[in-house]
């Protein structure tokens, strides 16, 4: 399926095994921590650059002294993440971005960059219950503080509500809403020209 504007695949409305986007476009995968964003991004194929801040954090963590708290080098990790995203957007390849959802300015910036380069920007929004997301965090051996989870919940709720009301970001070409079951059924996300 090649999504156009808003496609709601939650609650078994439609069964889709493959999403297709034009080569060189940008896909933003957003939802709660532990909700399945990384799993979905592993299904992306084609000439696509995957951008996940957790990957950047883990690379930096491997180089830092074990006793050095993450808070000390977090600004460097964020800088490296956004620099990597900027390079990917300039490369001409398709880009799939793991979006924490709490920073709307990132989606706005990505949308502007995509539009400037004549590319589409698409959203995949995971609508997952909080408990399922927490289970996902525990399964991966990660956790998010109660404060951070509350911020993610608010941001996710606002983004989902806006999408449901067809109020997509200005540069957004399409949005797909997925629940846990629809995400499970999705086998591939292709950037195919």
C-alpha atoms as a PDB file:
ATOM      1  CA  UNK A   1       0.000   0.000   0.000  1.00  0.00           C
ATOM      2  CA  UNK A   2       1.249   3.475  -0.886  1.00  0.00           C
ATOM      3  CA  UNK A   3      -0.367   5.717   1.766  1.00  0.00           C
ATOM      4  CA  UNK A   4      -2.093   8.947   0.766  1.00  0.00           C
ATOM      5  CA  UNK A   5      -2.889  11.508   3.454  1.00  0.00           C
ATOM      6  CA  UNK A   6      -4.338   9.644   6.489  1.00  0.00           C
ATOM      7  CA  UNK A   7      -4.626   5.851   6.701  1.00  0.00           C
ATOM      8  CA  UNK A   8      -5.955   4.368   9.944  1.00  0.00           C
ATOM      9  CA  UNK A   9      -5.019   0.691  10.263  1.00  0.00           C
ATOM     10  CA  UNK A  10      -5.938   0.361  13.940  1.00  0.00           C
ATOM     11  CA  UNK A  11      -8.567  -2.082  15.245  1.00  0.00           C
ATOM     12  CA  UNK A  12      -8.250  -4.399  12.257  1.00  0.00           C
ATOM     13  CA  UNK A  13      -9.769  -1.856   9.844  1.00  0.00           C
ATOM     14  CA  UNK A  14      -7.534  -3.034   7.004  1.00  0.00           C
ATOM     15  CA  UNK A  15      -4.825  -5.642   6.875  1.00  0.00           C
ATOM     16  CA  UNK A  16      -1.630  -4.314   5.290  1.00  0.00           C
ATOM     17  CA  UNK A  17       1.612  -6.262   4.997  1.00  0.00           C
ATOM     18  CA  UNK A  18       3.706  -3.673   3.145  1.00  0.00           C
ATOM     19  CA  UNK A  19       3.934   0.125   3.098  1.00  0.00           C
ATOM     20  CA  UNK A  20       5.579   1.723   0.068  1.00  0.00           C
ATOM     21  CA  UNK A  21       7.064   5.199  -0.186  1.00  0.00           C
ATOM     22  CA  UNK A  22       8.872   6.956  -3.041  1.00  0.00           C
ATOM     23  CA  UNK A  23      12.647   6.568  -3.085  1.00  0.00           C
ATOM     24  CA  UNK A  24      14.354   9.455  -1.329  1.00  0.00           C
ATOM     25  CA  UNK A  25      11.369  10.389   0.846  1.00  0.00           C
ATOM     26  CA  UNK A  26      11.520  10.746   4.632  1.00  0.00           C
ATOM     27  CA  UNK A  27       9.625   8.545   7.081  1.00  0.00           C
ATOM     28  CA  UNK A  28       9.162   9.504  10.730  1.00  0.00           C
ATOM     29  CA  UNK A  29       8.207   6.636  13.049  1.00  0.00           C
ATOM     30  CA  UNK A  30       6.717   7.990  16.272  1.00  0.00           C
ATOM     31  CA  UNK A  31       5.145   6.579  19.428  1.00  0.00           C
ATOM     32  CA  UNK A  32       5.775   5.752  23.065  1.00  0.00           C
ATOM     33  CA  UNK A  33       9.139   4.360  24.228  1.00  0.00           C
ATOM     34  CA  UNK A  34       8.840   0.578  24.103  1.00  0.00           C
ATOM     35  CA  UNK A  35       5.913   0.803  21.678  1.00  0.00           C
ATOM     36  CA  UNK A  36       7.669  -0.892  18.754  1.00  0.00           C
ATOM     37  CA  UNK A  37       9.317   1.916  16.770  1.00  0.00           C
ATOM     38  CA  UNK A  38      12.702   0.170  16.540  1.00  0.00           C
ATOM     39  CA  UNK A  39      11.026  -3.081  15.497  1.00  0.00           C
ATOM     40  CA  UNK A  40       9.193  -1.282  12.683  1.00  0.00           C
ATOM     41  CA  UNK A  41      12.362   0.451  11.550  1.00  0.00           C
ATOM     42  CA  UNK A  42      14.062  -2.930  11.130  1.00  0.00           C
ATOM     43  CA  UNK A  43      11.455  -3.643   8.421  1.00  0.00           C
ATOM     44  CA  UNK A  44      12.608  -0.702   6.284  1.00  0.00           C
ATOM     45  CA  UNK A  45      14.345  -1.675   3.042  1.00  0.00           C
ATOM     46  CA  UNK A  46      15.788   0.072   0.014  1.00  0.00           C
ATOM     47  CA  UNK A  47      18.414   2.808  -0.152  1.00  0.00           C
ATOM     48  CA  UNK A  48      17.365   4.130   3.241  1.00  0.00           C
ATOM     49  CA  UNK A  49      19.344   5.646   6.092  1.00  0.00           C
ATOM     50  CA  UNK A  50      18.020   4.661   9.531  1.00  0.00           C
ATOM     51  CA  UNK A  51      18.377   7.372  12.171  1.00  0.00           C
ATOM     52  CA  UNK A  52      17.849   6.311  15.792  1.00  0.00           C
ATOM     53  CA  UNK A  53      19.175   8.407  18.673  1.00  0.00           C
ATOM     54  CA  UNK A  54      19.494   5.246  20.793  1.00  0.00           C
ATOM     55  CA  UNK A  55      22.074   3.889  18.326  1.00  0.00           C
ATOM     56  CA  UNK A  56      24.066   7.123  18.658  1.00  0.00           C
ATOM     57  CA  UNK A  57      23.821   6.947  22.443  1.00  0.00           C
ATOM     58  CA  UNK A  58      25.062   3.341  22.499  1.00  0.00           C
ATOM     59  CA  UNK A  59      28.029   4.190  20.235  1.00  0.00           C
ATOM     60  CA  UNK A  60      29.050   7.050  22.552  1.00  0.00           C
ATOM     61  CA  UNK A  61      28.431   4.942  25.646  1.00  0.00           C
ATOM     62  CA  UNK A  62      30.845   2.300  24.349  1.00  0.00           C
ATOM     63  CA  UNK A  63      33.597   4.953  24.102  1.00  0.00           C
ATOM     64  CA  UNK A  64      33.011   6.641  27.455  1.00  0.00           C
ATOM     65  CA  UNK A  65      34.376   5.572  30.851  1.00  0.00           C
ATOM     66  CA  UNK A  66      31.840   3.272  32.524  1.00  0.00           C
ATOM     67  CA  UNK A  67      31.421   5.466  35.591  1.00  0.00           C
ATOM     68  CA  UNK A  68      30.773   8.653  33.616  1.00  0.00           C
ATOM     69  CA  UNK A  69      27.044   9.505  33.904  1.00  0.00           C
ATOM     70  CA  UNK A  70      25.133   9.829  30.628  1.00  0.00           C
ATOM     71  CA  UNK A  71      23.937  13.304  31.667  1.00  0.00           C
ATOM     72  CA  UNK A  72      27.518  14.569  31.288  1.00  0.00           C
ATOM     73  CA  UNK A  73      27.882  13.643  27.612  1.00  0.00           C
ATOM     74  CA  UNK A  74      24.178  13.746  26.587  1.00  0.00           C
ATOM     75  CA  UNK A  75      24.618  17.135  24.788  1.00  0.00           C
ATOM     76  CA  UNK A  76      27.336  15.579  22.609  1.00  0.00           C
ATOM     77  CA  UNK A  77      25.107  12.589  21.821  1.00  0.00           C
ATOM     78  CA  UNK A  78      22.268  14.893  20.793  1.00  0.00           C
ATOM     79  CA  UNK A  79      24.581  17.005  18.667  1.00  0.00           C
ATOM     80  CA  UNK A  80      25.920  13.868  16.943  1.00  0.00           C
ATOM     81  CA  UNK A  81      22.349  12.603  16.390  1.00  0.00           C
ATOM     82  CA  UNK A  82      21.136  15.832  14.765  1.00  0.00           C
ATOM     83  CA  UNK A  83      24.305  16.147  12.693  1.00  0.00           C
ATOM     84  CA  UNK A  84      23.764  12.577  11.440  1.00  0.00           C
ATOM     85  CA  UNK A  85      20.137  13.405  10.620  1.00  0.00           C
ATOM     86  CA  UNK A  86      21.169  16.573   8.767  1.00  0.00           C
ATOM     87  CA  UNK A  87      23.708  14.590   6.709  1.00  0.00           C
ATOM     88  CA  UNK A  88      21.140  11.894   5.925  1.00  0.00           C
ATOM     89  CA  UNK A  89      18.594  14.476   4.759  1.00  0.00           C
ATOM     90  CA  UNK A  90      21.213  16.022   2.458  1.00  0.00           C
ATOM     91  CA  UNK A  91      22.300  12.649   1.037  1.00  0.00           C
ATOM     92  CA  UNK A  92      19.340  12.109  -1.286  1.00  0.00           C
ATOM     93  CA  UNK A  93      18.710   8.622   0.134  1.00  0.00           C
ATOM     94  CA  UNK A  94      15.462   7.728   1.839  1.00  0.00           C
ATOM     95  CA  UNK A  95      15.528   8.448   5.573  1.00  0.00           C
ATOM     96  CA  UNK A  96      13.659   6.632   8.351  1.00  0.00           C
ATOM     97  CA  UNK A  97      13.749   8.555  11.629  1.00  0.00           C
ATOM     98  CA  UNK A  98      12.991   7.067  15.044  1.00  0.00           C
ATOM     99  CA  UNK A  99      11.067   9.961  16.637  1.00  0.00           C
ATOM    100  CA  UNK A 100      10.682  10.285  20.389  1.00  0.00           C
ATOM    101  CA  UNK A 101       7.656  12.486  19.734  1.00  0.00           C
ATOM    102  CA  UNK A 102       8.372  15.066  22.434  1.00  0.00           C
ATOM    103  CA  UNK A 103      10.165  17.503  20.138  1.00  0.00           C
ATOM    104  CA  UNK A 104       7.764  18.881  17.506  1.00  0.00           C
ATOM    105  CA  UNK A 105      10.499  21.178  16.199  1.00  0.00           C
ATOM    106  CA  UNK A 106      12.356  18.094  14.904  1.00  0.00           C
ATOM    107  CA  UNK A 107       9.386  17.060  12.728  1.00  0.00           C
ATOM    108  CA  UNK A 108       9.007  20.668  11.532  1.00  0.00           C
ATOM    109  CA  UNK A 109      12.713  20.878  10.645  1.00  0.00           C
ATOM    110  CA  UNK A 110      12.668  17.510   8.870  1.00  0.00           C
ATOM    111  CA  UNK A 111       9.555  18.564   6.954  1.00  0.00           C
ATOM    112  CA  UNK A 112      11.165  21.824   5.833  1.00  0.00           C
ATOM    113  CA  UNK A 113      14.324  20.007   4.727  1.00  0.00           C
ATOM    114  CA  UNK A 114      12.300  17.370   2.853  1.00  0.00           C
ATOM    115  CA  UNK A 115      10.201  20.009   1.093  1.00  0.00           C
ATOM    116  CA  UNK A 116      13.302  22.076   0.196  1.00  0.00           C
ATOM    117  CA  UNK A 117      14.750  19.042  -1.522  1.00  0.00           C
ATOM    118  CA  UNK A 118      11.511  18.088  -3.295  1.00  0.00           C
ATOM    119  CA  UNK A 119      10.917  15.018  -1.124  1.00  0.00           C
ATOM    120  CA  UNK A 120       7.846  13.857   0.760  1.00  0.00           C
ATOM    121  CA  UNK A 121       7.643  13.435   4.512  1.00  0.00           C
ATOM    122  CA  UNK A 122       5.493  10.635   5.937  1.00  0.00           C
ATOM    123  CA  UNK A 123       4.495   9.669   9.477  1.00  0.00           C
ATOM    124  CA  UNK A 124       3.884   6.261  10.974  1.00  0.00           C
ATOM    125  CA  UNK A 125       2.269   6.706  14.384  1.00  0.00           C
ATOM    126  CA  UNK A 126       2.122   3.814  16.820  1.00  0.00           C
ATOM    127  CA  UNK A 127      -0.916   3.938  19.095  1.00  0.00           C
ATOM    128  CA  UNK A 128       0.086   1.534  21.864  1.00  0.00           C
ATOM    129  CA  UNK A 129      -1.311   1.402  25.425  1.00  0.00           C
ATOM    130  CA  UNK A 130       1.081   2.656  28.104  1.00  0.00           C
ATOM    131  CA  UNK A 131       1.309  -0.739  29.815  1.00  0.00           C
ATOM    132  CA  UNK A 132       2.221  -2.442  26.529  1.00  0.00           C
ATOM    133  CA  UNK A 133       4.925   0.186  25.987  1.00  0.00           C
ATOM    134  CA  UNK A 134       6.288  -0.382  29.500  1.00  0.00           C
ATOM    135  CA  UNK A 135       6.335  -4.136  28.812  1.00  0.00           C
ATOM    136  CA  UNK A 136       8.294  -3.386  25.635  1.00  0.00           C
ATOM    137  CA  UNK A 137      10.806  -1.340  27.634  1.00  0.00           C
ATOM    138  CA  UNK A 138      11.259  -4.137  30.176  1.00  0.00           C
ATOM    139  CA  UNK A 139      11.686  -6.717  27.399  1.00  0.00           C
ATOM    140  CA  UNK A 140      14.571  -4.654  25.980  1.00  0.00           C
ATOM    141  CA  UNK A 141      16.148  -4.065  29.380  1.00  0.00           C
ATOM    142  CA  UNK A 142      15.473  -0.346  29.224  1.00  0.00           C
ATOM    143  CA  UNK A 143      13.363   1.984  31.247  1.00  0.00           C
ATOM    144  CA  UNK A 144      12.044   5.512  31.071  1.00  0.00           C
ATOM    145  CA  UNK A 145      11.460   7.592  34.177  1.00  0.00           C
ATOM    146  CA  UNK A 146       7.875   8.374  35.180  1.00  0.00           C
ATOM    147  CA  UNK A 147       8.497  12.032  34.307  1.00  0.00           C
ATOM    148  CA  UNK A 148       9.841  11.178  30.838  1.00  0.00           C
ATOM    149  CA  UNK A 149       7.035   8.682  30.204  1.00  0.00           C
ATOM    150  CA  UNK A 150       4.431  11.324  31.107  1.00  0.00           C
ATOM    151  CA  UNK A 151       6.042  13.727  28.597  1.00  0.00           C
ATOM    152  CA  UNK A 152       6.021  11.019  25.923  1.00  0.00           C
ATOM    153  CA  UNK A 153       2.364  10.187  26.658  1.00  0.00           C
ATOM    154  CA  UNK A 154       1.288  13.834  26.335  1.00  0.00           C
ATOM    155  CA  UNK A 155       3.231  14.338  23.115  1.00  0.00           C
ATOM    156  CA  UNK A 156       2.012  11.056  21.616  1.00  0.00           C
ATOM    157  CA  UNK A 157      -1.604  11.838  22.508  1.00  0.00           C
ATOM    158  CA  UNK A 158      -1.375  15.289  20.907  1.00  0.00           C
ATOM    159  CA  UNK A 159       0.211  13.935  17.734  1.00  0.00           C
ATOM    160  CA  UNK A 160      -2.354  11.120  17.424  1.00  0.00           C
ATOM    161  CA  UNK A 161      -5.273  13.487  18.038  1.00  0.00           C
ATOM    162  CA  UNK A 162      -3.958  15.906  15.423  1.00  0.00           C
ATOM    163  CA  UNK A 163      -3.603  13.058  12.901  1.00  0.00           C
ATOM    164  CA  UNK A 164      -7.094  11.718  13.671  1.00  0.00           C
ATOM    165  CA  UNK A 165      -8.449  15.211  12.994  1.00  0.00           C
ATOM    166  CA  UNK A 166      -6.443  15.372   9.726  1.00  0.00           C
ATOM    167  CA  UNK A 167      -4.246  18.133  11.139  1.00  0.00           C
ATOM    168  CA  UNK A 168      -0.950  16.781   9.851  1.00  0.00           C
ATOM    169  CA  UNK A 169       2.246  18.839   9.896  1.00  0.00           C
ATOM    170  CA  UNK A 170       2.403  21.218   6.923  1.00  0.00           C
ATOM    171  CA  UNK A 171       5.029  19.233   5.008  1.00  0.00           C
ATOM    172  CA  UNK A 172       3.438  15.845   5.737  1.00  0.00           C
ATOM    173  CA  UNK A 173       2.411  13.848   2.661  1.00  0.00           C
ATOM    174  CA  UNK A 174       0.829  10.943   4.558  1.00  0.00           C
ATOM    175  CA  UNK A 175       0.261   9.457   7.992  1.00  0.00           C
ATOM    176  CA  UNK A 176      -0.419   5.843   8.934  1.00  0.00           C
ATOM    177  CA  UNK A 177      -1.901   5.009  12.338  1.00  0.00           C
ATOM    178  CA  UNK A 178      -1.015   1.575  13.692  1.00  0.00           C
ATOM    179  CA  UNK A 179      -1.958  -0.302  16.823  1.00  0.00           C
ATOM    180  CA  UNK A 180       0.034  -3.272  18.120  1.00  0.00           C
ATOM    181  CA  UNK A 181      -1.751  -5.826  15.901  1.00  0.00           C
ATOM    182  CA  UNK A 182      -1.479  -3.746  12.710  1.00  0.00           C
ATOM    183  CA  UNK A 183       2.232  -3.199  13.436  1.00  0.00           C
ATOM    184  CA  UNK A 184       2.702  -6.957  13.906  1.00  0.00           C
ATOM    185  CA  UNK A 185       1.094  -7.661  10.520  1.00  0.00           C
ATOM    186  CA  UNK A 186       3.281  -5.138   8.723  1.00  0.00           C
ATOM    187  CA  UNK A 187       6.145  -7.089   7.174  1.00  0.00           C
ATOM    188  CA  UNK A 188       8.002  -4.436   5.175  1.00  0.00           C
ATOM    189  CA  UNK A 189       8.381  -0.717   4.584  1.00  0.00           C
ATOM    190  CA  UNK A 190       9.866  -0.078   1.151  1.00  0.00           C
ATOM    191  CA  UNK A 191      11.316   3.010  -0.499  1.00  0.00           C
ATOM    192  CA  UNK A 192      11.047   2.063  -4.127  1.00  0.00           C
ATOM    193  CA  UNK A 193      10.891   4.927  -6.554  1.00  0.00           C
END
